[in-house]
Amino acid sequence: MTSVMPLKTKVVLLAIIPLLASIILIGLTVRSQEHTLALRQRALVEEAYMQSKRAELRHYVQLAISTIQPLYESGRDDEVVRQEAMRALAALDYGQDGYFFLYDMNGKNLMHARQKELVGKDLWQMRDPSGLLVIQELIAKAKEGGGFVRYMWQKPSTRTVTPKLGYVVGLERWQWMFGTGLYLDDIDATLRELDRQVTASIAETLLLMAGIALLGIAVIGVCGTILNVSEHKIAYGKLRLLAHQVVQSQEDERAHLSRELHDGTSQTLVSAKLMLESGIEQLEAEGTPPPRPFSKAVVRLNDALTEVRRISHRLRPLMLDTLGIVAALRHLVEEFNNLGGMECSMVVEGEPFDLPVDVKTVLFRVAQEAVTNASKHAYATHLEVLLAFADGGVRLSVRDDGTGFDTHAVQQHPSQGIGLRNMRERLQSVGGSCEISSRPGYTAVDCRVSLSALNKIRETVEDEQ
């Protein structure tokens, strides 16, 4: 005789399994997004620091050149003039570990302001811990007209071998190579702290999601023990509330990442850009044309700032919270119009009124998903977004002329249609509905939130306040 699983057990299982799957999927997605953003942020911070240090090194070397230039241009090559130039370079230092060094083109050290024991030694075959022939690399850059070399060298203040960025130039007539360098341990420390903060943020997010999952399982378990036919509607309402909490946790995390990008990475890039522009202005004020890499660095920083701001906006558009759903959707349509390839338009019907925050967020995310799908997968050429306010409710419709798809087959496939299911789940979390129809040359996503659903959300918000 075949045993029949009790109804309450089925309901509990049908609630727990999707919840756990959603939490795991969201957790993996959030972790992947944070990891990707962390790598970008790390690269941007490191590049900004390196650009700053390169500019600083060029400034120091130009200062040193201007100090000995009268001696070099005097036309004299005797030992007296050279010794005077060496003394002038040795007297130039900056900070605790900033100094100049001087070699001839055969690798012999002529002057070292911090390590006197190296003076007079042939260091042509010297290698750093990584195996790099340091002096040979520096001389090669000097013969090329000057350049940067990254190597390992002993830091005077700590007596430890530390990564260093050197910048050298050559004095061809005297057969000298001289330059200076900056130690990079401060960059390594900053990047380690950045990695630590990202790891802590990911761990905190995953713990929060695990707590939500445990809370959800506990609530479902309690409901399952007291479930009967008359309580089915109550259990369904609680499950919908849990789904709403999962969606809300995702939105909270998006908002958190958006703020971190705007207030953290963006400000760092702006600071680095201002430093470069200040350096360029100083060089121009001194009558020295700024090197081309300066201008290229400013352009690349501007590009990086634009990319960070674009990612921040896509994670959580500020316009949605300040100006409302109409302005946010118009901006979304304009953004895809500017990308080209698909003509987008928007129509607003009825008199717009203020919507609850949850409803605005859900409608915007659904529209964002629908427009993105039409652009990336449907190869649409025309798309229209319709937002209608009528009878106290709201309706969102996104229609395109793309290739279309088999809605039934996509929904049944285990690895496809995730975006479509997310649309329906988002609308269900606020008491709305989402209908998707498609055929070749036409796809429509129609979403509705009735007046009763809006009133229910408003009452819930008032009760919480």
Protein backbone atom coordinates (compact mmCIF):
# COMPACT_ATOMS: atom_id res chain seq x y z
CA MET A 1 0.00 0.00 0.00
CA THR A 2 1.43 3.36 -1.01
CA SER A 3 1.73 5.92 1.79
CA VAL A 4 0.47 9.45 1.17
CA MET A 5 2.54 12.39 2.40
CA PRO A 6 0.52 14.67 4.72
CA LEU A 7 -0.57 18.01 3.27
CA LYS A 8 1.30 20.04 5.90
CA THR A 9 4.53 18.15 5.14
CA LYS A 10 4.14 18.89 1.45
CA VAL A 11 3.55 22.57 2.15
CA VAL A 12 6.56 22.75 4.48
CA LEU A 13 8.82 21.06 1.94
CA LEU A 14 7.51 23.21 -0.91
CA ALA A 15 8.31 26.29 1.18
CA ILE A 16 11.68 25.28 2.64
CA ILE A 17 13.27 23.95 -0.56
CA PRO A 18 12.62 27.07 -2.73
CA LEU A 19 13.62 29.30 0.18
CA LEU A 20 16.94 27.53 0.66
CA ALA A 21 17.54 27.51 -3.10
CA SER A 22 16.78 31.24 -3.31
CA ILE A 23 19.03 32.06 -0.35
CA ILE A 24 21.89 30.00 -1.79
CA LEU A 25 21.46 31.50 -5.25
CA ILE A 26 21.30 35.03 -3.88
CA GLY A 27 24.28 34.33 -1.63
CA LEU A 28 26.35 33.04 -4.53
CA THR A 29 25.28 35.97 -6.69
CA VAL A 30 26.07 38.54 -4.00
CA ARG A 31 29.41 36.92 -3.27
CA SER A 32 30.29 36.84 -6.97
CA GLN A 33 29.25 40.48 -7.44
CA GLU A 34 31.17 41.64 -4.37
CA HIS A 35 34.24 39.68 -5.46
CA THR A 36 34.12 41.18 -8.95
CA LEU A 37 33.61 44.70 -7.60
CA ALA A 38 36.40 44.16 -5.06
CA LEU A 39 38.84 43.15 -7.80
CA ARG A 40 37.90 46.23 -9.84
CA GLN A 41 38.19 48.47 -6.81
CA ARG A 42 41.57 46.95 -5.91
CA ALA A 43 42.89 47.47 -9.44
CA LEU A 44 41.61 51.05 -9.56
CA VAL A 45 43.12 51.90 -6.17
CA GLU A 46 46.46 50.32 -7.07
CA GLU A 47 46.59 52.10 -10.42
CA ALA A 48 45.69 55.42 -8.82
CA TYR A 49 48.46 55.02 -6.24
CA MET A 50 50.99 54.03 -8.91
CA GLN A 51 50.08 56.98 -11.13
CA SER A 52 50.51 59.28 -8.16
CA LYS A 53 53.93 57.82 -7.33
CA ARG A 54 55.09 58.01 -10.95
CA ALA A 55 54.15 61.67 -11.07
CA GLU A 56 55.95 62.28 -7.77
CA LEU A 57 59.13 60.53 -8.99
CA ARG A 58 59.20 62.52 -12.22
CA HIS A 59 58.91 65.71 -10.18
CA TYR A 60 61.83 64.75 -7.93
CA VAL A 61 64.09 63.81 -10.86
CA GLN A 62 63.22 67.02 -12.71
CA LEU A 63 64.12 68.93 -9.55
CA ALA A 64 67.48 67.14 -9.38
CA ILE A 65 68.18 67.82 -13.06
CA SER A 66 67.48 71.50 -12.58
CA THR A 67 69.96 71.51 -9.65
CA ILE A 68 72.92 70.13 -11.61
CA GLN A 69 71.94 71.48 -15.03
CA PRO A 70 74.17 74.59 -14.80
CA LEU A 71 77.18 72.35 -14.11
CA TYR A 72 76.31 69.89 -16.88
CA GLU A 73 75.69 72.62 -19.45
CA SER A 74 78.87 74.46 -18.55
CA GLY A 75 80.72 72.26 -21.04
CA ARG A 76 83.29 71.18 -18.46
CA ASP A 77 83.87 67.44 -17.95
CA ASP A 78 86.68 67.57 -15.41
CA GLU A 79 86.55 65.74 -12.08
CA VAL A 80 86.01 68.93 -10.08
CA VAL A 81 82.72 69.68 -11.84
CA ARG A 82 81.59 66.07 -11.54
CA GLN A 83 82.35 65.94 -7.83
CA GLU A 84 80.42 69.16 -7.30
CA ALA A 85 77.45 67.66 -9.15
CA MET A 86 77.67 64.52 -6.98
CA ARG A 87 77.66 66.59 -3.80
CA ALA A 88 74.62 68.50 -5.02
CA LEU A 89 72.74 65.26 -5.72
CA ALA A 90 73.77 63.72 -2.41
CA ALA A 91 72.38 66.74 -0.57
CA LEU A 92 68.99 66.29 -2.17
CA ASP A 93 66.69 64.07 -0.13
CA TYR A 94 63.03 64.00 0.82
CA GLY A 95 61.32 62.25 3.67
CA GLN A 96 62.78 59.46 5.75
CA ASP A 97 63.53 57.12 2.85
CA GLY A 98 63.80 59.49 -0.12
CA TYR A 99 67.24 59.86 -1.72
CA PHE A 100 69.07 59.94 -5.08
CA PHE A 101 71.59 57.38 -6.40
CA LEU A 102 74.23 57.68 -9.14
CA TYR A 103 75.97 55.03 -11.29
CA ASP A 104 78.18 55.05 -14.34
CA MET A 105 77.00 53.17 -17.42
CA ASN A 106 79.13 50.15 -16.46
CA GLY A 107 77.27 49.55 -13.19
CA LYS A 108 79.73 51.19 -10.78
CA ASN A 109 78.09 53.10 -7.92
CA LEU A 110 79.34 56.68 -7.83
CA MET A 111 77.05 58.07 -5.12
CA HIS A 112 74.43 56.66 -2.73
CA ALA A 113 73.02 58.99 -0.09
CA ARG A 114 71.84 56.24 2.30
CA GLN A 115 74.11 53.23 1.69
CA LYS A 116 77.65 54.64 1.72
CA GLU A 117 79.10 51.13 1.65
CA LEU A 118 77.99 50.72 -1.98
CA VAL A 119 79.99 53.70 -3.28
CA GLY A 120 82.77 52.59 -5.62
CA LYS A 121 81.49 49.03 -6.02
CA ASP A 122 80.68 47.36 -9.34
CA LEU A 123 77.04 46.28 -8.99
CA TRP A 124 76.48 45.24 -12.62
CA GLN A 125 75.62 41.64 -11.63
CA MET A 126 73.53 42.49 -8.55
CA ARG A 127 70.15 40.70 -8.41
CA ASP A 128 67.22 41.35 -6.14
CA PRO A 129 65.38 38.46 -4.35
CA SER A 130 63.22 37.91 -7.44
CA GLY A 131 66.30 37.40 -9.63
CA LEU A 132 66.08 40.75 -11.45
CA LEU A 133 69.39 42.31 -12.56
CA VAL A 134 68.50 45.63 -10.96
CA ILE A 135 71.39 47.87 -12.06
CA GLN A 136 71.32 46.51 -15.60
CA GLU A 137 67.59 47.24 -15.85
CA LEU A 138 68.04 50.76 -14.48
CA ILE A 139 70.89 51.53 -16.90
CA ALA A 140 68.89 50.14 -19.83
CA LYS A 141 65.98 52.47 -18.98
CA ALA A 142 68.36 55.42 -18.68
CA LYS A 143 69.83 54.69 -22.12
CA GLU A 144 66.30 54.61 -23.56
CA GLY A 145 65.80 58.18 -22.41
CA GLY A 146 64.53 57.47 -18.90
CA GLY A 147 61.86 55.28 -17.40
CA PHE A 148 60.47 53.33 -14.48
CA VAL A 149 61.71 50.03 -13.01
CA ARG A 150 60.01 48.03 -10.29
CA TYR A 151 62.37 46.00 -8.10
CA MET A 152 63.25 44.98 -4.53
CA TRP A 153 65.68 47.06 -2.43
CA GLN A 154 66.60 47.54 1.20
CA LYS A 155 64.55 50.27 2.89
CA PRO A 156 66.84 52.48 5.01
CA SER A 157 64.38 53.12 7.86
CA THR A 158 63.51 49.45 8.46
CA ARG A 159 66.53 47.62 6.97
CA THR A 160 64.11 45.24 5.24
CA VAL A 161 63.98 44.38 1.54
CA THR A 162 60.85 46.10 0.20
CA PRO A 163 59.21 46.54 -3.23
CA LYS A 164 60.33 49.80 -4.80
CA LEU A 165 59.51 51.86 -7.91
CA GLY A 166 62.54 53.64 -9.36
CA TYR A 167 62.75 56.35 -12.02
CA VAL A 168 66.10 56.99 -13.76
CA VAL A 169 67.50 59.21 -16.50
CA GLY A 170 70.90 59.35 -18.17
CA LEU A 171 73.51 62.06 -18.65
CA GLU A 172 75.02 60.88 -21.91
CA ARG A 173 78.11 63.12 -22.00
CA TRP A 174 79.22 62.13 -18.50
CA GLN A 175 78.02 58.53 -18.98
CA TRP A 176 75.98 58.77 -15.78
CA MET A 177 72.74 57.16 -14.77
CA PHE A 178 71.00 58.75 -11.83
CA GLY A 179 67.54 58.60 -10.32
CA THR A 180 65.43 58.04 -7.25
CA GLY A 181 62.65 55.75 -6.07
CA LEU A 182 59.69 55.32 -3.76
CA TYR A 183 58.99 52.27 -1.64
CA LEU A 184 55.66 50.54 -2.26
CA ASP A 185 54.98 48.92 1.12
CA ASP A 186 52.32 51.56 1.85
CA ILE A 187 50.39 50.46 -1.25
CA ASP A 188 50.63 46.82 -0.18
CA ALA A 189 49.34 47.75 3.28
CA THR A 190 46.42 49.70 1.79
CA LEU A 191 45.49 46.83 -0.53
CA ARG A 192 45.68 44.32 2.33
CA GLU A 193 43.33 46.48 4.40
CA LEU A 194 40.99 46.80 1.40
CA ASP A 195 40.98 43.00 0.98
CA ARG A 196 40.28 42.57 4.69
CA GLN A 197 37.31 44.94 4.56
CA VAL A 198 35.87 43.19 1.50
CA THR A 199 36.25 39.77 3.13
CA ALA A 200 34.56 41.03 6.29
CA SER A 201 31.74 42.58 4.26
CA ILE A 202 31.12 39.34 2.36
CA ALA A 203 31.15 37.32 5.57
CA GLU A 204 28.72 39.74 7.22
CA THR A 205 26.37 39.57 4.24
CA LEU A 206 26.43 35.77 4.12
CA LEU A 207 25.84 35.53 7.88
CA LEU A 208 22.89 37.88 7.56
CA MET A 209 21.43 35.79 4.76
CA ALA A 210 22.00 32.61 6.76
CA GLY A 211 20.16 34.21 9.66
CA ILE A 212 17.27 35.11 7.36
CA ALA A 213 17.24 31.53 6.04
CA LEU A 214 17.18 30.07 9.56
CA LEU A 215 14.45 32.50 10.57
CA GLY A 216 12.45 31.55 7.50
CA ILE A 217 12.85 27.82 8.13
CA ALA A 218 11.85 28.28 11.76
CA VAL A 219 8.71 30.21 10.83
CA ILE A 220 7.78 27.65 8.20
CA GLY A 221 8.37 24.81 10.66
CA VAL A 222 6.09 26.42 13.24
CA CYS A 223 3.43 27.01 10.62
CA GLY A 224 3.72 23.40 9.46
CA THR A 225 3.01 22.00 12.94
CA ILE A 226 -0.29 23.87 13.26
CA LEU A 227 -1.32 23.81 9.60
CA ASN A 228 -4.80 22.67 8.55
CA VAL A 229 -7.16 23.50 5.70
CA SER A 230 -8.57 26.61 7.36
CA GLU A 231 -5.05 28.01 7.98
CA HIS A 232 -3.80 27.52 4.43
CA LYS A 233 -4.27 31.17 3.50
CA ILE A 234 -2.36 32.33 6.59
CA ALA A 235 0.58 30.05 5.75
CA TYR A 236 0.59 31.32 2.17
CA GLY A 237 0.73 34.90 3.42
CA LYS A 238 3.74 34.13 5.61
CA LEU A 239 5.57 32.46 2.76
CA ARG A 240 5.00 35.52 0.62
CA LEU A 241 6.35 37.70 3.40
CA LEU A 242 9.52 35.58 3.52
CA ALA A 243 9.94 35.93 -0.23
CA HIS A 244 9.61 39.68 0.21
CA GLN A 245 12.34 39.64 2.87
CA VAL A 246 14.68 37.78 0.52
CA VAL A 247 14.06 40.31 -2.26
CA GLN A 248 14.48 43.19 0.21
CA SER A 249 17.79 41.79 1.47
CA GLN A 250 19.04 41.75 -2.11
CA GLU A 251 17.99 45.38 -2.60
CA ASP A 252 19.65 46.37 0.68
CA GLU A 253 22.88 44.74 -0.45
CA ARG A 254 22.71 46.49 -3.83
CA ALA A 255 22.21 49.81 -2.06
CA HIS A 256 25.15 49.06 0.25
CA LEU A 257 27.44 48.22 -2.67
CA SER A 258 26.26 51.34 -4.52
CA ARG A 259 27.11 53.56 -1.53
CA GLU A 260 30.51 51.91 -1.09
CA LEU A 261 31.37 52.56 -4.74
CA HIS A 262 30.13 56.16 -4.64
CA ASP A 263 31.60 57.14 -1.27
CA GLY A 264 34.76 55.02 -1.39
CA THR A 265 36.21 54.13 -4.77
CA SER A 266 34.77 57.19 -6.53
CA GLN A 267 36.26 59.60 -3.99
CA THR A 268 39.67 57.89 -4.22
CA LEU A 269 39.66 58.25 -7.99
CA VAL A 270 38.61 61.90 -7.78
CA SER A 271 41.47 62.57 -5.34
CA ALA A 272 44.01 60.90 -7.65
CA LYS A 273 42.65 62.85 -10.64
CA LEU A 274 42.95 66.17 -8.79
CA MET A 275 46.54 65.34 -7.83
CA LEU A 276 47.44 64.62 -11.46
CA GLU A 277 45.73 67.76 -12.72
CA SER A 278 47.53 69.78 -10.05
CA GLY A 279 50.83 68.31 -11.20
CA ILE A 280 50.05 69.19 -14.82
CA GLU A 281 49.14 72.76 -13.89
CA GLN A 282 52.34 73.11 -11.88
CA LEU A 283 54.47 71.91 -14.80
CA GLU A 284 52.70 74.26 -17.18
CA ALA A 285 53.16 77.14 -14.74
CA GLU A 286 56.89 76.37 -14.71
CA GLY A 287 56.94 76.44 -18.51
CA THR A 288 57.56 72.70 -18.80
CA PRO A 289 55.22 70.80 -21.13
CA PRO A 290 53.63 67.94 -19.14
CA PRO A 291 54.55 64.44 -20.36
CA ARG A 292 51.90 62.72 -22.47
CA PRO A 293 51.32 59.95 -19.87
CA PHE A 294 49.98 62.66 -17.50
CA SER A 295 47.15 63.54 -19.89
CA LYS A 296 46.49 59.88 -20.66
CA ALA A 297 46.29 59.13 -16.94
CA VAL A 298 43.69 61.88 -16.43
CA VAL A 299 41.61 60.52 -19.32
CA ARG A 300 41.78 57.00 -17.93
CA LEU A 301 40.81 58.20 -14.48
CA ASN A 302 37.81 59.97 -16.00
CA ASP A 303 36.84 56.73 -17.76
CA ALA A 304 37.21 54.80 -14.51
CA LEU A 305 35.06 57.36 -12.66
CA THR A 306 32.36 57.07 -15.33
CA GLU A 307 32.42 53.26 -15.08
CA VAL A 308 32.23 53.29 -11.27
CA ARG A 309 29.33 55.77 -11.35
CA ARG A 310 27.54 53.67 -13.99
CA ILE A 311 27.88 50.50 -11.90
CA SER A 312 26.74 52.37 -8.78
CA HIS A 313 23.68 53.70 -10.63
CA ARG A 314 22.76 50.27 -12.01
CA LEU A 315 23.01 48.72 -8.53
CA ARG A 316 20.65 51.29 -6.97
CA PRO A 317 19.59 54.40 -8.93
CA LEU A 318 19.40 57.42 -6.62
CA MET A 319 16.72 58.90 -8.88
CA LEU A 320 14.30 56.11 -7.86
CA ASP A 321 14.35 57.23 -4.22
CA THR A 322 14.43 60.98 -4.85
CA LEU A 323 12.32 61.67 -7.97
CA GLY A 324 10.18 58.54 -8.16
CA ILE A 325 9.42 55.71 -10.55
CA VAL A 326 8.55 57.89 -13.58
CA ALA A 327 11.89 59.72 -13.59
CA ALA A 328 13.84 56.50 -12.91
CA LEU A 329 12.18 54.69 -15.83
CA ARG A 330 12.76 57.67 -18.16
CA HIS A 331 16.43 57.60 -17.23
CA LEU A 332 16.55 53.84 -17.88
CA VAL A 333 15.01 54.33 -21.33
CA GLU A 334 17.42 57.18 -22.14
CA GLU A 335 20.37 55.05 -21.00
CA PHE A 336 19.52 52.25 -23.43
CA ASN A 337 18.77 54.77 -26.17
CA ASN A 338 22.26 56.18 -25.76
CA LEU A 339 23.75 52.69 -26.13
CA GLY A 340 22.33 52.51 -29.65
CA GLY A 341 21.01 49.52 -31.52
CA MET A 342 17.49 49.73 -30.07
CA GLU A 343 15.07 52.65 -30.19
CA CYS A 344 13.35 53.01 -26.81
CA SER A 345 10.40 55.19 -25.83
CA MET A 346 8.24 55.71 -22.78
CA VAL A 347 4.58 56.61 -22.35
CA VAL A 348 2.91 57.67 -19.08
CA GLU A 349 -0.88 57.44 -18.84
CA GLY A 350 -3.00 58.94 -16.09
CA GLU A 351 -1.93 61.22 -13.24
CA PRO A 352 1.15 59.80 -11.47
CA PHE A 353 0.92 59.39 -7.69
CA ASP A 354 3.42 58.35 -5.05
CA LEU A 355 3.94 54.59 -4.72
CA PRO A 356 5.29 52.63 -1.72
CA VAL A 357 9.07 52.10 -1.80
CA ASP A 358 8.72 48.34 -2.27
CA VAL A 359 6.41 48.76 -5.26
CA LYS A 360 8.69 51.34 -6.92
CA THR A 361 11.67 49.03 -6.47
CA VAL A 362 9.85 45.99 -7.86
CA LEU A 363 8.51 47.83 -10.94
CA PHE A 364 11.92 49.34 -11.70
CA ARG A 365 13.73 45.99 -11.38
CA VAL A 366 11.18 44.25 -13.61
CA ALA A 367 11.49 47.00 -16.24
CA GLN A 368 15.29 46.86 -16.01
CA GLU A 369 15.27 43.07 -16.52
CA ALA A 370 12.80 43.27 -19.43
CA VAL A 371 14.69 46.04 -21.27
CA THR A 372 18.02 44.26 -20.74
CA ASN A 373 16.61 40.98 -22.09
CA ALA A 374 15.21 42.73 -25.16
CA SER A 375 18.56 44.39 -25.84
CA LYS A 376 20.83 41.39 -25.22
CA HIS A 377 18.79 38.34 -26.21
CA ALA A 378 15.84 39.37 -28.39
CA TYR A 379 17.76 41.59 -30.84
CA ALA A 380 14.90 44.09 -30.70
CA THR A 381 14.99 47.32 -32.71
CA HIS A 382 12.04 49.05 -31.03
CA LEU A 383 10.87 48.95 -27.42
CA GLU A 384 8.16 50.83 -25.54
CA VAL A 385 7.71 51.20 -21.79
CA LEU A 386 4.16 52.08 -20.69
CA LEU A 387 3.40 53.20 -17.14
CA ALA A 388 -0.32 53.70 -16.46
CA PHE A 389 -1.99 55.06 -13.32
CA ALA A 390 -5.70 54.24 -13.20
CA ASP A 391 -8.37 53.27 -10.63
CA GLY A 392 -5.90 53.78 -7.81
CA GLY A 393 -3.58 51.06 -9.14
CA VAL A 394 -0.56 50.98 -11.42
CA ARG A 395 0.30 49.00 -14.56
CA LEU A 396 3.72 48.55 -16.18
CA SER A 397 4.03 47.19 -19.72
CA VAL A 398 7.28 46.59 -21.65
CA ARG A 399 6.83 45.62 -25.32
CA ASP A 400 9.46 44.96 -28.00
CA ASP A 401 9.68 43.66 -31.58
CA GLY A 402 12.42 41.09 -30.92
CA THR A 403 12.77 37.47 -31.95
CA GLY A 404 10.47 36.21 -29.20
CA PHE A 405 10.68 32.84 -27.37
CA ASP A 406 8.61 29.88 -26.22
CA THR A 407 7.42 31.02 -22.78
CA HIS A 408 6.23 27.56 -21.72
CA ALA A 409 9.49 25.81 -22.68
CA VAL A 410 11.62 28.46 -20.98
CA GLN A 411 9.64 28.24 -17.75
CA GLN A 412 9.92 24.44 -17.68
CA HIS A 413 13.67 24.39 -18.37
CA PRO A 414 15.67 24.08 -15.10
CA SER A 415 18.52 26.38 -16.15
CA GLN A 416 16.60 28.96 -18.19
CA GLY A 417 13.96 31.54 -17.42
CA ILE A 418 15.46 32.60 -14.08
CA GLY A 419 14.89 36.24 -14.95
CA LEU A 420 11.24 35.60 -15.87
CA ARG A 421 10.61 33.72 -12.63
CA ASN A 422 12.28 36.52 -10.68
CA MET A 423 9.90 39.03 -12.31
CA ARG A 424 6.84 37.05 -11.17
CA GLU A 425 8.25 36.50 -7.69
CA ARG A 426 8.99 40.18 -7.27
CA LEU A 427 5.44 41.14 -8.26
CA GLN A 428 3.96 38.45 -6.01
CA SER A 429 5.99 39.78 -3.07
CA VAL A 430 3.99 43.05 -3.25
CA GLY A 431 0.66 41.41 -4.12
CA GLY A 432 0.88 42.12 -7.84
CA SER A 433 0.79 39.98 -10.98
CA CYS A 434 3.06 39.55 -13.98
CA GLU A 435 1.98 38.14 -17.35
CA ILE A 436 4.50 37.38 -20.11
CA SER A 437 3.51 36.67 -23.70
CA SER A 438 5.81 36.21 -26.67
CA ARG A 439 5.90 35.24 -30.32
CA PRO A 440 8.26 36.04 -33.21
CA GLY A 441 8.39 39.83 -33.58
CA TYR A 442 6.52 40.59 -30.37
CA THR A 443 7.15 40.17 -26.64
CA ALA A 444 5.16 41.82 -23.85
CA VAL A 445 5.71 41.91 -20.10
CA ASP A 446 2.57 43.21 -18.33
CA CYS A 447 2.65 43.90 -14.59
CA ARG A 448 -0.21 45.10 -12.39
CA VAL A 449 -0.50 46.17 -8.76
CA SER A 450 -4.09 46.85 -7.74
CA LEU A 451 -5.42 49.49 -5.36
CA SER A 452 -6.14 46.87 -2.69
CA ALA A 453 -2.55 45.57 -2.85
CA LEU A 454 -1.18 49.13 -2.59
CA ASN A 455 -3.45 49.87 0.40
CA LYS A 456 -2.33 46.68 2.11
CA ILE A 457 1.34 47.65 1.73
CA ARG A 458 0.64 51.18 3.00
CA GLU A 459 -1.15 49.75 6.07
CA THR A 460 1.78 47.44 6.76
CA VAL A 461 4.23 50.35 6.58
CA GLU A 462 2.07 52.47 8.90
CA ASP A 463 1.85 49.59 11.42
CA GLU A 464 5.65 49.17 11.39
CA GLN A 465 6.11 52.89 11.99
